[in-house]
Amino acid sequence: MAKKKSVTIAAPKGTSAKAGKSSGKTSKPADVGFKIVAENRKAKFRYELIDSIECGMMLMGSEVKSMREGKISLDEAYIRVKGDELWLIGSDIAHYNNAGMWNHDPRRPRKLLIHRREFSQFAGLAHERGLTLIPLRVYFNDRGIAKCVMGLVRGKKLHDKRESIKERDTQRGLQRAMRGK
């Protein structure tokens, strides 16, 4: 007679092992599987987002380690099409302290990796309509691979920016009024 092994199944991260009991408090959301390293927050104000897509990044080892420490800036970054490739230009990844003489150039252009059909779609739209490609967010996915969310955007005019500020202020006022009740 063969013995059966007892198998215990661990609860997923972020959930309680005790099913059915709740403490009444709202728990933290479950691990979503990726860690956001940098976000281009000014892009929402300066540009009107039309479409976005995820693409990979070609990085050196010291750049990856520096990004894991959160030392990246996307404020002045943009994406250019050179030949059949996309290049991230103007992003600043600080030097990694422990790299020594094998450190990287902080402002060097970095190649973005994207499927051919997606490239033809996005690059074609950016070239034809006069739209711009910018990085919106850089993160590490659940497998630890650096990804960049690229946005196809149109620049806002001054009156559009004023309208955005006015709309944001009215939303803030409504939220305050709702909290006061």
C-alpha atoms as a PDB file:
ATOM      1  CA  MET A   1       0.000   0.000   0.000  1.00  0.00           C
ATOM      2  CA  ALA A   2       1.487   3.359  -1.062  1.00  0.00           C
ATOM      3  CA  LYS A   3       1.396   6.284   1.304  1.00  0.00           C
ATOM      4  CA  LYS A   4      -0.118   9.540   0.087  1.00  0.00           C
ATOM      5  CA  LYS A   5       1.923  12.650   0.584  1.00  0.00           C
ATOM      6  CA  SER A   6       0.148  15.541   2.201  1.00  0.00           C
ATOM      7  CA  VAL A   7       0.507  18.705   0.188  1.00  0.00           C
ATOM      8  CA  THR A   8      -0.011  22.138   1.678  1.00  0.00           C
ATOM      9  CA  ILE A   9      -0.748  24.999  -0.639  1.00  0.00           C
ATOM     10  CA  ALA A  10       0.449  28.423   0.444  1.00  0.00           C
ATOM     11  CA  ALA A  11      -1.876  31.380   0.059  1.00  0.00           C
ATOM     12  CA  PRO A  12      -0.891  33.868  -2.649  1.00  0.00           C
ATOM     13  CA  LYS A  13       1.069  36.946  -1.601  1.00  0.00           C
ATOM     14  CA  GLY A  14      -1.064  39.671  -0.113  1.00  0.00           C
ATOM     15  CA  THR A  15      -3.870  37.352   0.980  1.00  0.00           C
ATOM     16  CA  SER A  16      -4.551  35.791   4.318  1.00  0.00           C
ATOM     17  CA  ALA A  17      -4.183  32.058   4.895  1.00  0.00           C
ATOM     18  CA  LYS A  18      -7.314  32.161   7.058  1.00  0.00           C
ATOM     19  CA  ALA A  19     -10.189  32.103   4.603  1.00  0.00           C
ATOM     20  CA  GLY A  20     -13.536  33.351   5.804  1.00  0.00           C
ATOM     21  CA  LYS A  21     -12.260  35.603   8.615  1.00  0.00           C
ATOM     22  CA  SER A  22     -12.004  39.300   7.978  1.00  0.00           C
ATOM     23  CA  SER A  23     -10.721  41.917  10.354  1.00  0.00           C
ATOM     24  CA  GLY A  24     -12.959  44.695   9.024  1.00  0.00           C
ATOM     25  CA  LYS A  25      -9.945  46.679   7.828  1.00  0.00           C
ATOM     26  CA  THR A  26      -9.203  46.954   4.162  1.00  0.00           C
ATOM     27  CA  SER A  27      -6.049  45.047   3.356  1.00  0.00           C
ATOM     28  CA  LYS A  28      -3.252  46.208   1.110  1.00  0.00           C
ATOM     29  CA  PRO A  29      -3.726  45.361  -2.558  1.00  0.00           C
ATOM     30  CA  ALA A  30      -2.066  42.164  -3.717  1.00  0.00           C
ATOM     31  CA  ASP A  31       1.346  42.331  -5.335  1.00  0.00           C
ATOM     32  CA  VAL A  32       0.695  43.388  -8.938  1.00  0.00           C
ATOM     33  CA  GLY A  33       3.900  41.844 -10.238  1.00  0.00           C
ATOM     34  CA  PHE A  34       5.916  44.897 -11.221  1.00  0.00           C
ATOM     35  CA  LYS A  35       7.835  47.731  -9.592  1.00  0.00           C
ATOM     36  CA  ILE A  36       7.536  51.208 -11.104  1.00  0.00           C
ATOM     37  CA  VAL A  37      10.949  52.862 -11.177  1.00  0.00           C
ATOM     38  CA  ALA A  38      10.143  56.219 -12.799  1.00  0.00           C
ATOM     39  CA  GLU A  39       7.105  58.005 -14.157  1.00  0.00           C
ATOM     40  CA  ASN A  40       6.893  61.014 -16.443  1.00  0.00           C
ATOM     41  CA  ARG A  41       4.265  62.937 -14.469  1.00  0.00           C
ATOM     42  CA  LYS A  42       4.637  66.129 -16.501  1.00  0.00           C
ATOM     43  CA  ALA A  43       3.543  64.278 -19.636  1.00  0.00           C
ATOM     44  CA  LYS A  44      -0.092  64.230 -18.477  1.00  0.00           C
ATOM     45  CA  PHE A  45      -0.042  68.018 -18.239  1.00  0.00           C
ATOM     46  CA  ARG A  46       2.025  68.850 -21.327  1.00  0.00           C
ATOM     47  CA  TYR A  47       0.571  66.328 -23.769  1.00  0.00           C
ATOM     48  CA  GLU A  48      -2.696  64.776 -24.850  1.00  0.00           C
ATOM     49  CA  LEU A  49      -2.224  60.990 -24.753  1.00  0.00           C
ATOM     50  CA  ILE A  50      -3.494  59.220 -27.886  1.00  0.00           C
ATOM     51  CA  ASP A  51      -2.117  55.691 -27.491  1.00  0.00           C
ATOM     52  CA  SER A  52       0.522  53.822 -25.507  1.00  0.00           C
ATOM     53  CA  ILE A  53       2.489  50.611 -25.817  1.00  0.00           C
ATOM     54  CA  GLU A  54       5.002  48.646 -23.749  1.00  0.00           C
ATOM     55  CA  CYS A  55       8.496  48.055 -25.083  1.00  0.00           C
ATOM     56  CA  GLY A  56      11.719  46.548 -23.783  1.00  0.00           C
ATOM     57  CA  MET A  57      14.964  48.406 -23.148  1.00  0.00           C
ATOM     58  CA  MET A  58      18.553  47.501 -24.054  1.00  0.00           C
ATOM     59  CA  LEU A  59      20.609  48.372 -20.997  1.00  0.00           C
ATOM     60  CA  MET A  60      24.066  47.799 -19.553  1.00  0.00           C
ATOM     61  CA  GLY A  61      24.465  46.043 -16.212  1.00  0.00           C
ATOM     62  CA  SER A  62      25.367  49.204 -14.297  1.00  0.00           C
ATOM     63  CA  GLU A  63      22.273  50.938 -15.726  1.00  0.00           C
ATOM     64  CA  VAL A  64      20.012  48.140 -14.491  1.00  0.00           C
ATOM     65  CA  LYS A  65      21.501  48.272 -10.997  1.00  0.00           C
ATOM     66  CA  SER A  66      21.186  52.042 -10.896  1.00  0.00           C
ATOM     67  CA  MET A  67      17.554  51.813 -12.043  1.00  0.00           C
ATOM     68  CA  ARG A  68      16.811  49.296  -9.276  1.00  0.00           C
ATOM     69  CA  GLU A  69      17.930  52.024  -6.857  1.00  0.00           C
ATOM     70  CA  GLY A  70      15.464  54.423  -8.538  1.00  0.00           C
ATOM     71  CA  LYS A  71      18.088  56.717 -10.051  1.00  0.00           C
ATOM     72  CA  ILE A  72      16.445  57.521 -13.391  1.00  0.00           C
ATOM     73  CA  SER A  73      14.842  60.687 -14.703  1.00  0.00           C
ATOM     74  CA  LEU A  74      12.409  60.884 -17.636  1.00  0.00           C
ATOM     75  CA  ASP A  75      11.648  64.619 -17.413  1.00  0.00           C
ATOM     76  CA  GLU A  76      13.403  65.678 -20.629  1.00  0.00           C
ATOM     77  CA  ALA A  77      13.310  62.323 -22.401  1.00  0.00           C
ATOM     78  CA  TYR A  78      11.810  61.643 -25.824  1.00  0.00           C
ATOM     79  CA  ILE A  79      11.893  58.854 -28.397  1.00  0.00           C
ATOM     80  CA  ARG A  80      13.326  59.160 -31.904  1.00  0.00           C
ATOM     81  CA  VAL A  81      13.040  56.857 -34.905  1.00  0.00           C
ATOM     82  CA  LYS A  82      16.431  56.166 -36.541  1.00  0.00           C
ATOM     83  CA  GLY A  83      16.220  53.756 -39.438  1.00  0.00           C
ATOM     84  CA  ASP A  84      14.128  50.826 -38.268  1.00  0.00           C
ATOM     85  CA  GLU A  85      14.860  51.350 -34.580  1.00  0.00           C
ATOM     86  CA  LEU A  86      13.481  53.377 -31.682  1.00  0.00           C
ATOM     87  CA  TRP A  87      15.911  55.215 -29.406  1.00  0.00           C
ATOM     88  CA  LEU A  88      15.255  56.705 -25.977  1.00  0.00           C
ATOM     89  CA  ILE A  89      17.094  60.022 -25.877  1.00  0.00           C
ATOM     90  CA  GLY A  90      17.561  62.432 -22.990  1.00  0.00           C
ATOM     91  CA  SER A  91      16.774  60.067 -20.122  1.00  0.00           C
ATOM     92  CA  ASP A  92      19.239  60.320 -17.286  1.00  0.00           C
ATOM     93  CA  ILE A  93      20.292  57.140 -15.473  1.00  0.00           C
ATOM     94  CA  ALA A  94      22.767  58.098 -12.741  1.00  0.00           C
ATOM     95  CA  HIS A  95      26.112  56.331 -12.289  1.00  0.00           C
ATOM     96  CA  TYR A  96      26.082  53.155 -10.220  1.00  0.00           C
ATOM     97  CA  ASN A  97      28.461  53.661  -7.290  1.00  0.00           C
ATOM     98  CA  ASN A  98      29.933  50.135  -7.261  1.00  0.00           C
ATOM     99  CA  ALA A  99      30.596  49.861 -11.022  1.00  0.00           C
ATOM    100  CA  GLY A 100      34.014  51.501 -10.913  1.00  0.00           C
ATOM    101  CA  MET A 101      35.611  52.106 -14.304  1.00  0.00           C
ATOM    102  CA  TRP A 102      32.960  50.005 -16.102  1.00  0.00           C
ATOM    103  CA  ASN A 103      30.249  52.563 -15.427  1.00  0.00           C
ATOM    104  CA  HIS A 104      27.939  53.845 -18.164  1.00  0.00           C
ATOM    105  CA  ASP A 105      27.400  57.291 -19.705  1.00  0.00           C
ATOM    106  CA  PRO A 106      24.326  58.677 -17.880  1.00  0.00           C
ATOM    107  CA  ARG A 107      22.811  60.451 -20.914  1.00  0.00           C
ATOM    108  CA  ARG A 108      23.582  57.951 -23.671  1.00  0.00           C
ATOM    109  CA  PRO A 109      20.801  56.972 -26.135  1.00  0.00           C
ATOM    110  CA  ARG A 110      19.195  53.621 -25.308  1.00  0.00           C
ATOM    111  CA  LYS A 111      17.612  51.296 -27.842  1.00  0.00           C
ATOM    112  CA  LEU A 112      13.970  50.329 -27.302  1.00  0.00           C
ATOM    113  CA  LEU A 113      12.809  46.862 -28.329  1.00  0.00           C
ATOM    114  CA  ILE A 114       9.421  46.494 -29.993  1.00  0.00           C
ATOM    115  CA  HIS A 115       7.714  44.105 -32.413  1.00  0.00           C
ATOM    116  CA  ARG A 116       7.975  44.979 -36.109  1.00  0.00           C
ATOM    117  CA  ARG A 117       4.217  45.447 -36.678  1.00  0.00           C
ATOM    118  CA  GLU A 118       3.920  47.682 -33.602  1.00  0.00           C
ATOM    119  CA  PHE A 119       6.934  49.676 -34.774  1.00  0.00           C
ATOM    120  CA  SER A 120       5.442  50.327 -38.205  1.00  0.00           C
ATOM    121  CA  GLN A 121       2.130  51.372 -36.650  1.00  0.00           C
ATOM    122  CA  PHE A 122       3.559  53.778 -34.043  1.00  0.00           C
ATOM    123  CA  ALA A 123       6.458  55.178 -36.054  1.00  0.00           C
ATOM    124  CA  GLY A 124       4.178  55.715 -39.049  1.00  0.00           C
ATOM    125  CA  LEU A 125       1.609  57.624 -36.993  1.00  0.00           C
ATOM    126  CA  ALA A 126       4.287  59.720 -35.331  1.00  0.00           C
ATOM    127  CA  HIS A 127       5.819  60.624 -38.690  1.00  0.00           C
ATOM    128  CA  GLU A 128       2.618  61.247 -40.673  1.00  0.00           C
ATOM    129  CA  ARG A 129       0.483  63.220 -38.238  1.00  0.00           C
ATOM    130  CA  GLY A 130       3.253  65.150 -36.527  1.00  0.00           C
ATOM    131  CA  LEU A 131       2.736  63.352 -33.232  1.00  0.00           C
ATOM    132  CA  THR A 132       5.477  62.729 -30.675  1.00  0.00           C
ATOM    133  CA  LEU A 133       6.717  59.580 -28.958  1.00  0.00           C
ATOM    134  CA  ILE A 134       7.626  59.984 -25.281  1.00  0.00           C
ATOM    135  CA  PRO A 135       8.363  57.597 -22.399  1.00  0.00           C
ATOM    136  CA  LEU A 136       5.539  57.606 -19.848  1.00  0.00           C
ATOM    137  CA  ARG A 137       6.782  55.066 -17.302  1.00  0.00           C
ATOM    138  CA  VAL A 138       9.753  52.755 -16.689  1.00  0.00           C
ATOM    139  CA  TYR A 139       9.363  49.652 -14.537  1.00  0.00           C
ATOM    140  CA  PHE A 140      10.590  46.127 -13.883  1.00  0.00           C
ATOM    141  CA  ASN A 141       8.044  43.407 -14.678  1.00  0.00           C
ATOM    142  CA  ASP A 142       7.469  40.307 -12.553  1.00  0.00           C
ATOM    143  CA  ARG A 143      10.409  38.536 -14.247  1.00  0.00           C
ATOM    144  CA  GLY A 144      12.760  41.441 -13.450  1.00  0.00           C
ATOM    145  CA  ILE A 145      13.005  42.743 -17.028  1.00  0.00           C
ATOM    146  CA  ALA A 146      13.144  46.515 -17.576  1.00  0.00           C
ATOM    147  CA  LYS A 147      10.180  47.808 -19.583  1.00  0.00           C
ATOM    148  CA  CYS A 148       9.221  51.245 -20.859  1.00  0.00           C
ATOM    149  CA  VAL A 149       5.682  52.389 -21.625  1.00  0.00           C
ATOM    150  CA  MET A 150       5.886  54.585 -24.700  1.00  0.00           C
ATOM    151  CA  GLY A 151       3.125  57.056 -25.465  1.00  0.00           C
ATOM    152  CA  LEU A 152       1.979  58.528 -28.763  1.00  0.00           C
ATOM    153  CA  VAL A 153       1.071  62.101 -27.814  1.00  0.00           C
ATOM    154  CA  ARG A 154       0.048  65.467 -29.217  1.00  0.00           C
ATOM    155  CA  GLY A 155       1.290  68.637 -27.516  1.00  0.00           C
ATOM    156  CA  LYS A 156      -1.298  70.726 -25.690  1.00  0.00           C
ATOM    157  CA  LYS A 157      -1.767  74.404 -26.420  1.00  0.00           C
ATOM    158  CA  LEU A 158      -1.690  76.980 -23.619  1.00  0.00           C
ATOM    159  CA  HIS A 159      -5.484  77.207 -23.417  1.00  0.00           C
ATOM    160  CA  ASP A 160      -5.693  73.406 -23.104  1.00  0.00           C
ATOM    161  CA  LYS A 161      -3.262  73.531 -20.168  1.00  0.00           C
ATOM    162  CA  ARG A 162      -5.334  76.252 -18.490  1.00  0.00           C
ATOM    163  CA  GLU A 163      -8.423  74.125 -18.979  1.00  0.00           C
ATOM    164  CA  SER A 164      -6.664  71.163 -17.351  1.00  0.00           C
ATOM    165  CA  ILE A 165      -5.741  73.306 -14.342  1.00  0.00           C
ATOM    166  CA  LYS A 166      -9.298  74.579 -14.019  1.00  0.00           C
ATOM    167  CA  GLU A 167     -10.734  71.063 -14.238  1.00  0.00           C
ATOM    168  CA  ARG A 168      -8.265  69.782 -11.638  1.00  0.00           C
ATOM    169  CA  ASP A 169      -9.203  72.611  -9.253  1.00  0.00           C
ATOM    170  CA  THR A 170     -12.930  71.925  -9.592  1.00  0.00           C
ATOM    171  CA  GLN A 171     -12.365  68.206  -8.938  1.00  0.00           C
ATOM    172  CA  ARG A 172     -10.330  69.067  -5.849  1.00  0.00           C
ATOM    173  CA  GLY A 173     -13.127  71.373  -4.613  1.00  0.00           C
ATOM    174  CA  LEU A 174     -15.726  68.641  -5.132  1.00  0.00           C
ATOM    175  CA  GLN A 175     -13.587  66.155  -3.202  1.00  0.00           C
ATOM    176  CA  ARG A 176     -13.248  68.614  -0.316  1.00  0.00           C
ATOM    177  CA  ALA A 177     -17.010  69.208  -0.282  1.00  0.00           C
ATOM    178  CA  MET A 178     -17.692  65.453  -0.237  1.00  0.00           C
ATOM    179  CA  ARG A 179     -15.275  64.943   2.670  1.00  0.00           C
ATOM    180  CA  GLY A 180     -16.949  67.749   4.644  1.00  0.00           C
ATOM    181  CA  LYS A 181     -20.290  65.942   4.719  1.00  0.00           C
END
